[in-house]
Amino acid sequence: MLWKNAPTRTIDAGGVGFAYRELGPDSGVPLIFLHHLMAVLDDWDPRVIDGIAAQRRVIAFDNRGVGASGGAVPDTVEAMARDAILFIRAMGLQQVDLLGFSLGGGVAQMVALQAPELVRRIVLAGTGPRGGGGIEAVTKVAAVAYLKAALTWHDARHFLFFPRTPEGKRAAKDYFAALAERTQDRDKPISLQARLAQLKAIKAAGLGAPDDLSRITHPVFIANGDNDLMVASQHSADMAHRLPDARLTLYPDSGHGGVFQYHRVFVPAVLAFLAD
């Protein structure tokens, strides 16, 4: 089974139906994917999902109010993490690994702080810590990208995820071609309520007091592009310094979507990290 034909299922947790897909081996600690701002299940790069699922059990889900999941999106990262924990426990999982991209990376950090016993290892991609300077400016950055997208008939992620270099443009083209592989049983689009709540949560996190990351003692693999426009790449280095057991990789000549641009090296790196 591949990501493009993995069935969408629903599980009830606390009266909310959470939509999810899973694939890969039945054994081992599952890897939970936590997705980015304004994303639904169909926005995960299948090259990353399928590559990791070749060796690991992978579960991706729409958090409360996202895509086909029920309820309304909360406007704090803390509440998003509580919902993620609710989903994980409803799945009957005793321990999980986490892969959080962008907003999902903030949620992953909060899951580790709220339920440390539930987490084994963490992958943080294209993300930063609470209280990181400039994170609250993501709304302005996104607005400029959406304006460029409207003027050029492109998806805004062409400008937000990839550099406007020949290599970056090729990476963007390949990324969107991969996203289009799934043609049936596609997820519901993100709602306006979800977009606004997520932006409010990101702004609050950016302006909030920093978390004590020394409390996250789990092994952490941090990955990003070296020129991230959405979450400054320096925040990746800051997290690597503040987390007790972290390793850092910055991919050259890439941005927020560096892990997608460099999926051929990111996927083996994740598998090696999870196998340690």
C-alpha atoms as a PDB file:
ATOM      1  CA  MET A   1       0.000   0.000   0.000  1.00  0.00           C
ATOM      2  CA  LEU A   2       1.164   3.515  -0.804  1.00  0.00           C
ATOM      3  CA  TRP A   3       0.082   6.904   0.538  1.00  0.00           C
ATOM      4  CA  LYS A   4      -1.864   7.594  -2.660  1.00  0.00           C
ATOM      5  CA  ASN A   5      -4.254   4.709  -1.970  1.00  0.00           C
ATOM      6  CA  ALA A   6      -4.153   4.397   1.841  1.00  0.00           C
ATOM      7  CA  PRO A   7      -7.794   4.426   3.030  1.00  0.00           C
ATOM      8  CA  THR A   8      -9.060   7.280   5.160  1.00  0.00           C
ATOM      9  CA  ARG A   9     -10.497   6.057   8.444  1.00  0.00           C
ATOM     10  CA  THR A  10     -12.169   7.785  11.373  1.00  0.00           C
ATOM     11  CA  ILE A  11     -11.872   7.137  15.095  1.00  0.00           C
ATOM     12  CA  ASP A  12     -13.972   8.727  17.834  1.00  0.00           C
ATOM     13  CA  ALA A  13     -12.071  10.408  20.646  1.00  0.00           C
ATOM     14  CA  GLY A  14     -13.895  12.477  23.231  1.00  0.00           C
ATOM     15  CA  GLY A  15     -16.891  12.819  20.951  1.00  0.00           C
ATOM     16  CA  VAL A  16     -14.825  14.041  17.990  1.00  0.00           C
ATOM     17  CA  GLY A  17     -14.265  12.006  14.842  1.00  0.00           C
ATOM     18  CA  PHE A  18     -10.574  12.185  13.885  1.00  0.00           C
ATOM     19  CA  ALA A  19      -9.737  11.335  10.254  1.00  0.00           C
ATOM     20  CA  TYR A  20      -6.495   9.427   9.751  1.00  0.00           C
ATOM     21  CA  ARG A  21      -4.538   7.198   7.414  1.00  0.00           C
ATOM     22  CA  GLU A  22      -1.897   4.621   8.274  1.00  0.00           C
ATOM     23  CA  LEU A  23       0.460   2.372   6.391  1.00  0.00           C
ATOM     24  CA  GLY A  24       3.660   0.427   6.900  1.00  0.00           C
ATOM     25  CA  PRO A  25       4.495  -2.554   9.135  1.00  0.00           C
ATOM     26  CA  ASP A  26       2.140  -3.406  12.005  1.00  0.00           C
ATOM     27  CA  SER A  27       4.976  -3.834  14.488  1.00  0.00           C
ATOM     28  CA  GLY A  28       7.228  -1.322  16.189  1.00  0.00           C
ATOM     29  CA  VAL A  29       6.663   2.138  17.648  1.00  0.00           C
ATOM     30  CA  PRO A  30       4.448   4.093  15.224  1.00  0.00           C
ATOM     31  CA  LEU A  31       5.501   7.472  13.838  1.00  0.00           C
ATOM     32  CA  ILE A  32       2.763  10.099  14.157  1.00  0.00           C
ATOM     33  CA  PHE A  33       2.818  12.894  11.551  1.00  0.00           C
ATOM     34  CA  LEU A  34       1.698  16.364  12.682  1.00  0.00           C
ATOM     35  CA  HIS A  35       1.122  18.642   9.730  1.00  0.00           C
ATOM     36  CA  HIS A  36       1.695  22.282   8.903  1.00  0.00           C
ATOM     37  CA  LEU A  37      -0.380  25.447   8.821  1.00  0.00           C
ATOM     38  CA  MET A  38      -3.477  25.148   6.619  1.00  0.00           C
ATOM     39  CA  ALA A  39      -2.659  21.540   5.690  1.00  0.00           C
ATOM     40  CA  VAL A  40      -4.838  18.434   5.475  1.00  0.00           C
ATOM     41  CA  LEU A  41      -3.870  14.804   4.913  1.00  0.00           C
ATOM     42  CA  ASP A  42      -3.353  15.292   1.184  1.00  0.00           C
ATOM     43  CA  ASP A  43      -0.670  17.916   1.829  1.00  0.00           C
ATOM     44  CA  TRP A  44       1.859  15.379   3.103  1.00  0.00           C
ATOM     45  CA  ASP A  45       4.595  14.631   0.575  1.00  0.00           C
ATOM     46  CA  PRO A  46       4.079  10.955  -0.381  1.00  0.00           C
ATOM     47  CA  ARG A  47       7.785  10.619  -1.116  1.00  0.00           C
ATOM     48  CA  VAL A  48       8.435  11.195   2.596  1.00  0.00           C
ATOM     49  CA  ILE A  49       5.468   9.150   3.858  1.00  0.00           C
ATOM     50  CA  ASP A  50       6.096   6.168   1.568  1.00  0.00           C
ATOM     51  CA  GLY A  51       9.829   6.248   2.161  1.00  0.00           C
ATOM     52  CA  ILE A  52       9.456   6.068   5.931  1.00  0.00           C
ATOM     53  CA  ALA A  53       6.510   3.634   5.778  1.00  0.00           C
ATOM     54  CA  ALA A  54       8.718   1.170   3.892  1.00  0.00           C
ATOM     55  CA  GLN A  55      10.252   0.396   7.299  1.00  0.00           C
ATOM     56  CA  ARG A  56       8.076   2.029   9.970  1.00  0.00           C
ATOM     57  CA  ARG A  57       4.393   2.158  10.853  1.00  0.00           C
ATOM     58  CA  VAL A  58       3.187   5.639   9.907  1.00  0.00           C
ATOM     59  CA  ILE A  59       0.002   7.345  11.087  1.00  0.00           C
ATOM     60  CA  ALA A  60      -1.062  10.769   9.813  1.00  0.00           C
ATOM     61  CA  PHE A  61      -4.228  12.426  11.064  1.00  0.00           C
ATOM     62  CA  ASP A  62      -6.277  15.597  10.833  1.00  0.00           C
ATOM     63  CA  ASN A  63      -6.373  17.235  14.235  1.00  0.00           C
ATOM     64  CA  ARG A  64      -9.622  18.643  15.614  1.00  0.00           C
ATOM     65  CA  GLY A  65     -11.433  20.795  13.061  1.00  0.00           C
ATOM     66  CA  VAL A  66      -8.935  20.109  10.262  1.00  0.00           C
ATOM     67  CA  GLY A  67      -9.976  18.508   6.969  1.00  0.00           C
ATOM     68  CA  ALA A  68     -12.399  15.647   7.534  1.00  0.00           C
ATOM     69  CA  SER A  69     -12.055  15.651  11.337  1.00  0.00           C
ATOM     70  CA  GLY A  70     -14.912  16.954  13.425  1.00  0.00           C
ATOM     71  CA  GLY A  71     -15.062  19.890  15.803  1.00  0.00           C
ATOM     72  CA  ALA A  72     -13.433  23.316  15.559  1.00  0.00           C
ATOM     73  CA  VAL A  73      -9.729  24.084  15.525  1.00  0.00           C
ATOM     74  CA  PRO A  74      -8.572  25.524  18.875  1.00  0.00           C
ATOM     75  CA  ASP A  75      -6.578  28.750  18.828  1.00  0.00           C
ATOM     76  CA  THR A  76      -3.643  27.647  21.004  1.00  0.00           C
ATOM     77  CA  VAL A  77      -0.852  25.195  20.351  1.00  0.00           C
ATOM     78  CA  GLU A  78      -1.381  23.765  23.846  1.00  0.00           C
ATOM     79  CA  ALA A  79      -4.956  22.765  23.006  1.00  0.00           C
ATOM     80  CA  MET A  80      -3.845  21.305  19.672  1.00  0.00           C
ATOM     81  CA  ALA A  81      -1.375  19.147  21.579  1.00  0.00           C
ATOM     82  CA  ARG A  82      -4.077  17.984  23.988  1.00  0.00           C
ATOM     83  CA  ASP A  83      -6.176  16.928  21.006  1.00  0.00           C
ATOM     84  CA  ALA A  84      -3.208  15.090  19.483  1.00  0.00           C
ATOM     85  CA  ILE A  85      -2.722  13.212  22.751  1.00  0.00           C
ATOM     86  CA  LEU A  86      -6.452  12.415  22.798  1.00  0.00           C
ATOM     87  CA  PHE A  87      -6.190  10.932  19.299  1.00  0.00           C
ATOM     88  CA  ILE A  88      -3.040   8.923  20.077  1.00  0.00           C
ATOM     89  CA  ARG A  89      -4.593   7.391  23.181  1.00  0.00           C
ATOM     90  CA  ALA A  90      -7.859   6.657  21.356  1.00  0.00           C
ATOM     91  CA  MET A  91      -5.767   4.668  18.869  1.00  0.00           C
ATOM     92  CA  GLY A  92      -4.668   2.487  21.795  1.00  0.00           C
ATOM     93  CA  LEU A  93      -1.007   3.488  21.468  1.00  0.00           C
ATOM     94  CA  GLN A  94       1.196   3.322  24.561  1.00  0.00           C
ATOM     95  CA  GLN A  95       4.227   5.034  23.027  1.00  0.00           C
ATOM     96  CA  VAL A  96       4.868   6.875  19.774  1.00  0.00           C
ATOM     97  CA  ASP A  97       7.490   8.734  17.806  1.00  0.00           C
ATOM     98  CA  LEU A  98       6.516  12.171  16.485  1.00  0.00           C
ATOM     99  CA  LEU A  99       7.301  13.967  13.232  1.00  0.00           C
ATOM    100  CA  GLY A 100       6.095  17.547  13.338  1.00  0.00           C
ATOM    101  CA  PHE A 101       6.480  19.912  10.400  1.00  0.00           C
ATOM    102  CA  SER A 102       6.129  23.687  10.885  1.00  0.00           C
ATOM    103  CA  LEU A 103       3.039  24.226  13.107  1.00  0.00           C
ATOM    104  CA  GLY A 104       3.129  20.473  13.704  1.00  0.00           C
ATOM    105  CA  GLY A 105       6.593  20.867  15.194  1.00  0.00           C
ATOM    106  CA  GLY A 106       5.202  23.269  17.768  1.00  0.00           C
ATOM    107  CA  VAL A 107       2.460  20.775  18.557  1.00  0.00           C
ATOM    108  CA  ALA A 108       5.043  17.981  18.859  1.00  0.00           C
ATOM    109  CA  GLN A 109       7.000  19.993  21.435  1.00  0.00           C
ATOM    110  CA  MET A 110       3.844  20.545  23.468  1.00  0.00           C
ATOM    111  CA  VAL A 111       2.918  16.844  23.298  1.00  0.00           C
ATOM    112  CA  ALA A 112       6.351  16.003  24.703  1.00  0.00           C
ATOM    113  CA  LEU A 113       5.911  18.553  27.495  1.00  0.00           C
ATOM    114  CA  GLN A 114       2.335  17.516  28.341  1.00  0.00           C
ATOM    115  CA  ALA A 115       2.731  13.724  28.055  1.00  0.00           C
ATOM    116  CA  PRO A 116       6.451  12.877  28.074  1.00  0.00           C
ATOM    117  CA  GLU A 117       5.774   9.219  28.853  1.00  0.00           C
ATOM    118  CA  LEU A 118       3.864   8.889  25.582  1.00  0.00           C
ATOM    119  CA  VAL A 119       6.821   9.929  23.415  1.00  0.00           C
ATOM    120  CA  ARG A 120       9.977   8.009  22.473  1.00  0.00           C
ATOM    121  CA  ARG A 121      11.707  10.112  19.778  1.00  0.00           C
ATOM    122  CA  ILE A 122      10.887  13.373  17.970  1.00  0.00           C
ATOM    123  CA  VAL A 123      11.603  14.750  14.503  1.00  0.00           C
ATOM    124  CA  LEU A 124      11.155  18.533  14.216  1.00  0.00           C
ATOM    125  CA  ALA A 125      11.174  19.905  10.657  1.00  0.00           C
ATOM    126  CA  GLY A 126      10.867  23.518   9.545  1.00  0.00           C
ATOM    127  CA  THR A 127       9.812  24.672  12.977  1.00  0.00           C
ATOM    128  CA  GLY A 128      10.871  26.739  15.953  1.00  0.00           C
ATOM    129  CA  PRO A 129      10.361  27.138  19.700  1.00  0.00           C
ATOM    130  CA  ARG A 130       7.721  29.139  21.519  1.00  0.00           C
ATOM    131  CA  GLY A 131       8.819  32.738  21.969  1.00  0.00           C
ATOM    132  CA  GLY A 132      11.168  32.619  18.977  1.00  0.00           C
ATOM    133  CA  GLY A 133      11.671  36.059  17.483  1.00  0.00           C
ATOM    134  CA  GLY A 134       9.868  36.618  14.209  1.00  0.00           C
ATOM    135  CA  ILE A 135       7.587  33.577  14.380  1.00  0.00           C
ATOM    136  CA  GLU A 136       4.603  35.855  14.990  1.00  0.00           C
ATOM    137  CA  ALA A 137       5.272  37.505  11.598  1.00  0.00           C
ATOM    138  CA  VAL A 138       4.193  34.388   9.702  1.00  0.00           C
ATOM    139  CA  THR A 139       0.841  35.999   8.832  1.00  0.00           C
ATOM    140  CA  LYS A 140       2.587  38.832   6.974  1.00  0.00           C
ATOM    141  CA  VAL A 141       4.967  36.439   5.212  1.00  0.00           C
ATOM    142  CA  ALA A 142       2.069  34.232   4.170  1.00  0.00           C
ATOM    143  CA  ALA A 143       0.043  37.216   2.920  1.00  0.00           C
ATOM    144  CA  VAL A 144       2.837  38.307   0.588  1.00  0.00           C
ATOM    145  CA  ALA A 145       3.208  34.749  -0.716  1.00  0.00           C
ATOM    146  CA  TYR A 146      -0.523  34.438  -1.363  1.00  0.00           C
ATOM    147  CA  LEU A 147      -0.477  37.718  -3.284  1.00  0.00           C
ATOM    148  CA  LYS A 148       2.388  36.454  -5.459  1.00  0.00           C
ATOM    149  CA  ALA A 149       0.527  33.180  -5.918  1.00  0.00           C
ATOM    150  CA  ALA A 150      -2.626  34.961  -7.097  1.00  0.00           C
ATOM    151  CA  LEU A 151      -0.653  37.048  -9.573  1.00  0.00           C
ATOM    152  CA  THR A 152       1.184  34.052 -11.025  1.00  0.00           C
ATOM    153  CA  TRP A 153      -1.493  31.328 -10.783  1.00  0.00           C
ATOM    154  CA  HIS A 154       0.699  29.291  -8.437  1.00  0.00           C
ATOM    155  CA  ASP A 155       0.101  27.657  -5.074  1.00  0.00           C
ATOM    156  CA  ALA A 156       1.535  29.905  -2.338  1.00  0.00           C
ATOM    157  CA  ARG A 157       3.826  27.109  -1.219  1.00  0.00           C
ATOM    158  CA  HIS A 158       5.903  27.701  -4.357  1.00  0.00           C
ATOM    159  CA  PHE A 159       7.047  30.878  -2.599  1.00  0.00           C
ATOM    160  CA  LEU A 160       6.818  29.790   1.051  1.00  0.00           C
ATOM    161  CA  PHE A 161       8.495  26.374   0.858  1.00  0.00           C
ATOM    162  CA  PHE A 162      11.080  26.641  -1.924  1.00  0.00           C
ATOM    163  CA  PRO A 163      13.697  29.186  -3.012  1.00  0.00           C
ATOM    164  CA  ARG A 164      13.097  30.943  -6.320  1.00  0.00           C
ATOM    165  CA  THR A 165      16.222  29.419  -7.847  1.00  0.00           C
ATOM    166  CA  PRO A 166      16.291  26.948 -10.756  1.00  0.00           C
ATOM    167  CA  GLU A 167      16.795  24.076  -8.311  1.00  0.00           C
ATOM    168  CA  GLY A 168      14.107  25.397  -5.959  1.00  0.00           C
ATOM    169  CA  LYS A 169      11.617  25.745  -8.800  1.00  0.00           C
ATOM    170  CA  ARG A 170      12.322  22.171  -9.919  1.00  0.00           C
ATOM    171  CA  ALA A 171      11.845  20.962  -6.345  1.00  0.00           C
ATOM    172  CA  ALA A 172       8.509  22.802  -6.123  1.00  0.00           C
ATOM    173  CA  LYS A 173       7.327  21.276  -9.404  1.00  0.00           C
ATOM    174  CA  ASP A 174       8.254  17.767  -8.224  1.00  0.00           C
ATOM    175  CA  TYR A 175       6.610  18.350  -4.844  1.00  0.00           C
ATOM    176  CA  PHE A 176       3.272  19.381  -6.343  1.00  0.00           C
ATOM    177  CA  ALA A 177       3.402  16.517  -8.827  1.00  0.00           C
ATOM    178  CA  ALA A 178       3.797  14.134  -5.877  1.00  0.00           C
ATOM    179  CA  LEU A 179       0.865  15.721  -4.012  1.00  0.00           C
ATOM    180  CA  ALA A 180      -1.341  15.175  -7.078  1.00  0.00           C
ATOM    181  CA  GLU A 181      -0.731  11.404  -7.149  1.00  0.00           C
ATOM    182  CA  ARG A 182      -3.763  10.712  -4.974  1.00  0.00           C
ATOM    183  CA  THR A 183      -6.882  11.113  -7.089  1.00  0.00           C
ATOM    184  CA  GLN A 184      -9.580   9.357  -5.038  1.00  0.00           C
ATOM    185  CA  ASP A 185     -10.807   9.569  -1.419  1.00  0.00           C
ATOM    186  CA  ARG A 186      -9.166  12.952  -1.028  1.00  0.00           C
ATOM    187  CA  ASP A 187      -9.476  14.947   2.181  1.00  0.00           C
ATOM    188  CA  LYS A 188     -11.788  17.894   2.729  1.00  0.00           C
ATOM    189  CA  PRO A 189     -10.116  21.293   2.204  1.00  0.00           C
ATOM    190  CA  ILE A 190      -9.069  23.365   5.180  1.00  0.00           C
ATOM    191  CA  SER A 191     -11.857  25.654   6.426  1.00  0.00           C
ATOM    192  CA  LEU A 192     -11.681  29.390   7.031  1.00  0.00           C
ATOM    193  CA  GLN A 193     -12.242  28.798  10.763  1.00  0.00           C
ATOM    194  CA  ALA A 194      -9.279  26.445  10.843  1.00  0.00           C
ATOM    195  CA  ARG A 195      -7.019  28.890   8.988  1.00  0.00           C
ATOM    196  CA  LEU A 196      -7.822  31.777  11.309  1.00  0.00           C
ATOM    197  CA  ALA A 197      -7.493  29.703  14.495  1.00  0.00           C
ATOM    198  CA  GLN A 198      -4.144  28.273  13.397  1.00  0.00           C
ATOM    199  CA  LEU A 199      -2.772  31.726  12.563  1.00  0.00           C
ATOM    200  CA  LYS A 200      -3.926  33.002  15.958  1.00  0.00           C
ATOM    201  CA  ALA A 201      -2.228  30.046  17.678  1.00  0.00           C
ATOM    202  CA  ILE A 202       1.038  30.641  15.824  1.00  0.00           C
ATOM    203  CA  LYS A 203       1.028  34.346  16.670  1.00  0.00           C
ATOM    204  CA  ALA A 204       0.349  33.607  20.358  1.00  0.00           C
ATOM    205  CA  ALA A 205       3.161  31.045  20.425  1.00  0.00           C
ATOM    206  CA  GLY A 206       5.567  33.454  18.765  1.00  0.00           C
ATOM    207  CA  LEU A 207       4.804  36.160  21.316  1.00  0.00           C
ATOM    208  CA  GLY A 208       4.627  33.798  24.310  1.00  0.00           C
ATOM    209  CA  ALA A 209       7.231  33.135  26.964  1.00  0.00           C
ATOM    210  CA  PRO A 210       9.786  30.502  25.875  1.00  0.00           C
ATOM    211  CA  ASP A 211       9.244  26.953  27.072  1.00  0.00           C
ATOM    212  CA  ASP A 212      11.883  25.233  29.176  1.00  0.00           C
ATOM    213  CA  LEU A 213      13.129  22.897  26.451  1.00  0.00           C
ATOM    214  CA  SER A 214      15.499  21.209  28.897  1.00  0.00           C
ATOM    215  CA  ARG A 215      12.404  19.311  30.061  1.00  0.00           C
ATOM    216  CA  ILE A 216      12.239  17.533  26.691  1.00  0.00           C
ATOM    217  CA  THR A 217      14.844  14.855  27.311  1.00  0.00           C
ATOM    218  CA  HIS A 218      13.807  12.649  24.390  1.00  0.00           C
ATOM    219  CA  PRO A 219      16.191  12.247  21.446  1.00  0.00           C
ATOM    220  CA  VAL A 220      15.324  14.899  18.844  1.00  0.00           C
ATOM    221  CA  PHE A 221      16.299  15.193  15.188  1.00  0.00           C
ATOM    222  CA  ILE A 222      15.931  18.767  13.902  1.00  0.00           C
ATOM    223  CA  ALA A 223      15.908  19.425  10.158  1.00  0.00           C
ATOM    224  CA  ASN A 224      15.324  22.538   8.083  1.00  0.00           C
ATOM    225  CA  GLY A 225      16.444  24.421   5.024  1.00  0.00           C
ATOM    226  CA  ASP A 226      19.245  26.910   5.529  1.00  0.00           C
ATOM    227  CA  ASN A 227      17.097  29.876   4.446  1.00  0.00           C
ATOM    228  CA  ASP A 228      13.598  29.367   5.854  1.00  0.00           C
ATOM    229  CA  LEU A 229      11.359  32.385   5.184  1.00  0.00           C
ATOM    230  CA  MET A 230       8.530  31.229   7.449  1.00  0.00           C
ATOM    231  CA  VAL A 231      10.465  30.090  10.525  1.00  0.00           C
ATOM    232  CA  ALA A 232      13.971  31.551  10.505  1.00  0.00           C
ATOM    233  CA  SER A 233      16.553  28.767  10.252  1.00  0.00           C
ATOM    234  CA  GLN A 234      18.388  30.193  13.263  1.00  0.00           C
ATOM    235  CA  HIS A 235      15.532  28.868  15.406  1.00  0.00           C
ATOM    236  CA  SER A 236      16.506  25.331  14.446  1.00  0.00           C
ATOM    237  CA  ALA A 237      20.011  25.953  15.778  1.00  0.00           C
ATOM    238  CA  ASP A 238      18.532  27.558  18.902  1.00  0.00           C
ATOM    239  CA  MET A 239      16.389  24.500  19.600  1.00  0.00           C
ATOM    240  CA  ALA A 240      19.327  22.170  19.018  1.00  0.00           C
ATOM    241  CA  HIS A 241      21.291  24.148  21.610  1.00  0.00           C
ATOM    242  CA  ARG A 242      18.477  24.194  24.181  1.00  0.00           C
ATOM    243  CA  LEU A 243      17.282  20.588  23.856  1.00  0.00           C
ATOM    244  CA  PRO A 244      19.423  18.171  25.924  1.00  0.00           C
ATOM    245  CA  ASP A 245      19.627  15.412  23.279  1.00  0.00           C
ATOM    246  CA  ALA A 246      19.303  16.963  19.822  1.00  0.00           C
ATOM    247  CA  ARG A 247      21.003  16.675  16.467  1.00  0.00           C
ATOM    248  CA  LEU A 248      20.661  19.282  13.723  1.00  0.00           C
ATOM    249  CA  THR A 249      20.742  19.175   9.920  1.00  0.00           C
ATOM    250  CA  LEU A 250      20.332  22.255   7.714  1.00  0.00           C
ATOM    251  CA  TYR A 251      19.953  21.477   4.023  1.00  0.00           C
ATOM    252  CA  PRO A 252      21.769  23.908   1.705  1.00  0.00           C
ATOM    253  CA  ASP A 253      20.070  26.259  -0.747  1.00  0.00           C
ATOM    254  CA  SER A 254      16.612  25.412   0.547  1.00  0.00           C
ATOM    255  CA  GLY A 255      13.850  26.904   2.639  1.00  0.00           C
ATOM    256  CA  HIS A 256      10.836  25.949   4.739  1.00  0.00           C
ATOM    257  CA  GLY A 257      10.238  22.868   2.592  1.00  0.00           C
ATOM    258  CA  GLY A 258      13.848  21.752   2.773  1.00  0.00           C
ATOM    259  CA  VAL A 259      12.873  18.276   3.982  1.00  0.00           C
ATOM    260  CA  PHE A 260      10.764  17.856   0.833  1.00  0.00           C
ATOM    261  CA  GLN A 261      13.395  19.310  -1.478  1.00  0.00           C
ATOM    262  CA  TYR A 262      15.935  16.939   0.098  1.00  0.00           C
ATOM    263  CA  HIS A 263      13.574  14.014   0.661  1.00  0.00           C
ATOM    264  CA  ARG A 264      16.149  11.562  -0.739  1.00  0.00           C
ATOM    265  CA  VAL A 265      18.485  12.273   2.188  1.00  0.00           C
ATOM    266  CA  PHE A 266      15.877  13.281   4.778  1.00  0.00           C
ATOM    267  CA  VAL A 267      14.020   9.958   4.681  1.00  0.00           C
ATOM    268  CA  PRO A 268      17.133   7.778   5.309  1.00  0.00           C
ATOM    269  CA  ALA A 269      18.197  10.185   8.056  1.00  0.00           C
ATOM    270  CA  VAL A 270      14.817   9.836   9.791  1.00  0.00           C
ATOM    271  CA  LEU A 271      14.897   6.044   9.509  1.00  0.00           C
ATOM    272  CA  ALA A 272      18.422   5.905  10.929  1.00  0.00           C
ATOM    273  CA  PHE A 273      17.425   8.224  13.778  1.00  0.00           C
ATOM    274  CA  LEU A 274      14.354   6.168  14.658  1.00  0.00           C
ATOM    275  CA  ALA A 275      16.387   2.946  14.535  1.00  0.00           C
ATOM    276  CA  ASP A 276      19.045   4.132  17.011  1.00  0.00           C
END
